[in-house]
Each structure stands twice: as C-alpha cells, then as structure tokens.
Protein backbone atom coordinates (compact mmCIF):
# COMPACT_ATOMS: atom_id res chain seq x y z
CA MET A 1 -14.13 3.19 -93.28
CA ASN A 2 -14.61 6.29 -95.40
CA GLU A 3 -11.38 8.30 -95.46
CA ASN A 4 -13.16 11.59 -96.14
CA LYS A 5 -15.11 11.59 -92.88
CA LEU A 6 -13.96 13.38 -89.76
CA ALA A 7 -14.52 11.96 -86.30
CA VAL A 8 -17.31 13.60 -84.33
CA GLY A 9 -15.86 16.28 -82.07
CA ALA A 10 -12.45 16.23 -83.80
CA ILE A 11 -12.54 20.00 -84.32
CA SER A 12 -13.48 22.33 -81.47
CA PRO A 13 -15.49 25.50 -82.13
CA TRP A 14 -12.42 27.69 -81.47
CA LEU A 15 -10.25 25.66 -83.83
CA SER A 16 -12.97 25.84 -86.45
CA LEU A 17 -13.29 29.62 -86.04
CA PHE A 18 -9.57 30.25 -86.39
CA GLN A 19 -9.27 27.82 -89.29
CA SER A 20 -12.10 29.65 -91.04
CA LEU A 21 -10.50 33.03 -90.43
CA ALA A 22 -7.16 31.76 -91.70
CA GLN A 23 -8.75 30.54 -94.92
CA LEU A 24 -11.02 33.54 -95.49
CA ALA A 25 -8.82 36.47 -94.49
CA PRO A 26 -5.19 35.94 -95.43
CA LEU A 27 -3.10 38.00 -93.04
CA PRO A 28 -0.47 39.20 -95.54
CA THR A 29 -3.16 40.84 -97.64
CA LEU A 30 -4.43 42.68 -94.58
CA ILE A 31 -0.95 43.73 -93.48
CA PHE A 32 0.15 45.04 -96.88
CA THR A 33 -3.05 46.96 -97.56
CA ILE A 34 -3.12 48.87 -94.27
CA GLN A 35 -1.24 51.83 -95.76
CA GLU A 36 -3.63 51.87 -98.72
CA ILE A 37 -6.68 51.91 -96.45
CA PHE A 38 -5.28 54.74 -94.36
CA GLY A 39 -4.06 56.63 -97.42
CA TYR A 40 -7.27 56.55 -99.45
CA SER A 41 -10.02 56.23 -96.87
CA ASN A 42 -11.57 58.97 -94.81
CA ALA A 43 -12.78 56.44 -92.23
CA PRO A 44 -10.23 53.62 -91.79
CA ALA A 45 -11.74 52.45 -88.49
CA LEU A 46 -15.15 52.10 -90.12
CA SER A 47 -13.55 50.22 -93.02
CA TYR A 48 -12.00 47.74 -90.61
CA LEU A 49 -15.26 47.31 -88.68
CA ILE A 50 -17.18 46.58 -91.87
CA ALA A 51 -14.46 44.17 -93.02
CA LEU A 52 -14.54 42.44 -89.62
CA VAL A 53 -18.30 41.91 -89.83
CA ILE A 54 -18.01 40.51 -93.36
CA VAL A 55 -15.17 38.16 -92.37
CA LEU A 56 -17.08 36.94 -89.30
CA PHE A 57 -20.17 36.22 -91.41
CA SER A 58 -18.00 34.31 -93.87
CA ALA A 59 -16.29 32.40 -91.06
CA ASN A 60 -19.69 31.54 -89.60
CA THR A 61 -20.74 30.12 -92.97
CA VAL A 62 -17.70 27.84 -93.06
CA ILE A 63 -18.32 26.76 -89.45
CA GLN A 64 -21.98 25.97 -90.16
CA MET A 65 -21.13 24.00 -93.32
CA GLY A 66 -18.36 22.16 -91.47
CA SER A 67 -20.73 21.09 -88.71
CA ARG A 68 -23.39 20.02 -91.20
CA PHE A 69 -21.05 18.21 -93.62
CA PRO A 70 -18.00 16.95 -91.67
CA HIS A 71 -15.74 16.36 -94.65
CA ALA A 72 -11.94 16.56 -94.88
CA GLY A 73 -12.16 18.16 -98.33
CA GLY A 74 -12.89 21.73 -97.20
CA TYR A 75 -14.82 23.83 -99.70
CA TYR A 76 -15.01 20.94 -102.16
CA GLY A 77 -16.73 18.78 -99.56
CA TYR A 78 -19.20 21.48 -98.57
CA VAL A 79 -20.25 22.30 -102.13
CA ALA A 80 -20.19 18.67 -103.31
CA ASN A 81 -22.49 17.63 -100.46
CA GLY A 82 -24.67 20.73 -100.69
CA ILE A 83 -25.07 21.09 -104.47
CA SER A 84 -23.29 18.53 -106.65
CA ARG A 85 -19.93 16.87 -107.09
CA SER A 86 -19.11 18.68 -110.36
CA THR A 87 -19.90 22.04 -108.77
CA GLY A 88 -17.61 21.08 -105.89
CA VAL A 89 -14.74 20.42 -108.31
CA TYR A 90 -15.39 23.76 -110.02
CA THR A 91 -15.44 25.54 -106.65
CA GLN A 92 -12.13 23.95 -105.66
CA PHE A 93 -10.47 25.11 -108.89
CA ILE A 94 -11.82 28.63 -108.38
CA TYR A 95 -10.49 28.58 -104.79
CA LEU A 96 -7.04 27.49 -105.96
CA PHE A 97 -7.10 30.20 -108.66
CA TYR A 98 -8.02 32.76 -105.98
CA GLN A 99 -5.13 31.67 -103.77
CA VAL A 100 -2.62 31.99 -106.62
CA LEU A 101 -3.92 35.45 -107.59
CA ASN A 102 -3.97 36.57 -103.95
CA THR A 103 -0.35 35.53 -103.45
CA ALA A 104 0.68 37.22 -106.70
CA ALA A 105 -1.09 40.44 -105.67
CA VAL A 106 0.75 40.48 -102.35
CA VAL A 107 4.11 39.97 -104.08
CA ILE A 108 3.43 42.61 -106.75
CA ASN A 109 2.11 45.19 -104.27
CA PHE A 110 4.78 44.55 -101.66
CA PRO A 111 5.87 47.98 -100.41
CA LYS A 112 9.19 49.03 -101.84
CA PRO A 113 11.55 51.09 -99.68
CA ARG A 114 11.68 54.76 -100.55
CA PRO A 115 15.08 56.33 -101.20
CA PHE A 116 16.28 58.83 -98.62
C-alpha cells in the first residue's frame, strides 16, 4: 500500500476548508497587524473584505488540489503531481522559508508596551 495516499472521504469539506485557512492565513500575523491596518488605512473594513476574498480563493485552490490529488504531502504533493517532482521539492522549500520568515516577522513586530 502506498503510504502517501489518503483514504477516500478521510477529510470532510469543513475540515479541508479550515485546514486550508490555517495554512494560508496564519492568525498571529492577522492579530498583530490589526493596529497597522487601522493606523495606516482609510478603509480598514474594505481592507479586511478584500483580504477575506483573497484568502477564500486561496483556500478554494488548496481544497480543489486536495480533492484532485489526495496526497499526504500537502503543497509538495499538489505541485509534484501537477507539474513535476523537482518543482514540488522547490515549492516545499519555498513554503518552509515563508513559514520561518513569517514567524520571524511576527516576533520582530510584536507590539511593545508603551511607557506610562
């Protein structure tokens, strides 16, 4: 049996949606940039609506790829099956690099308390 295959019906549509959102829109980044959006934007509600639409399109892409290529490897599996194996490896390294930079940005930009 191939260890990289998922059983049919193992992931429900709701689980797939929330897994996609968790991977595509890290919550700490959203939480720590709220004050920046409200401080520099003239239309914060519009900014959030546009961001929501973009995130939902991205989540839909992951859901569609997951249903077409049921692979336990995530982005690597989708790109490796859709394009080529070497491109899948490259995509996985870029994704890991993105996660490290995203975490570093959250830590660096963490709001510091203001003195009284």
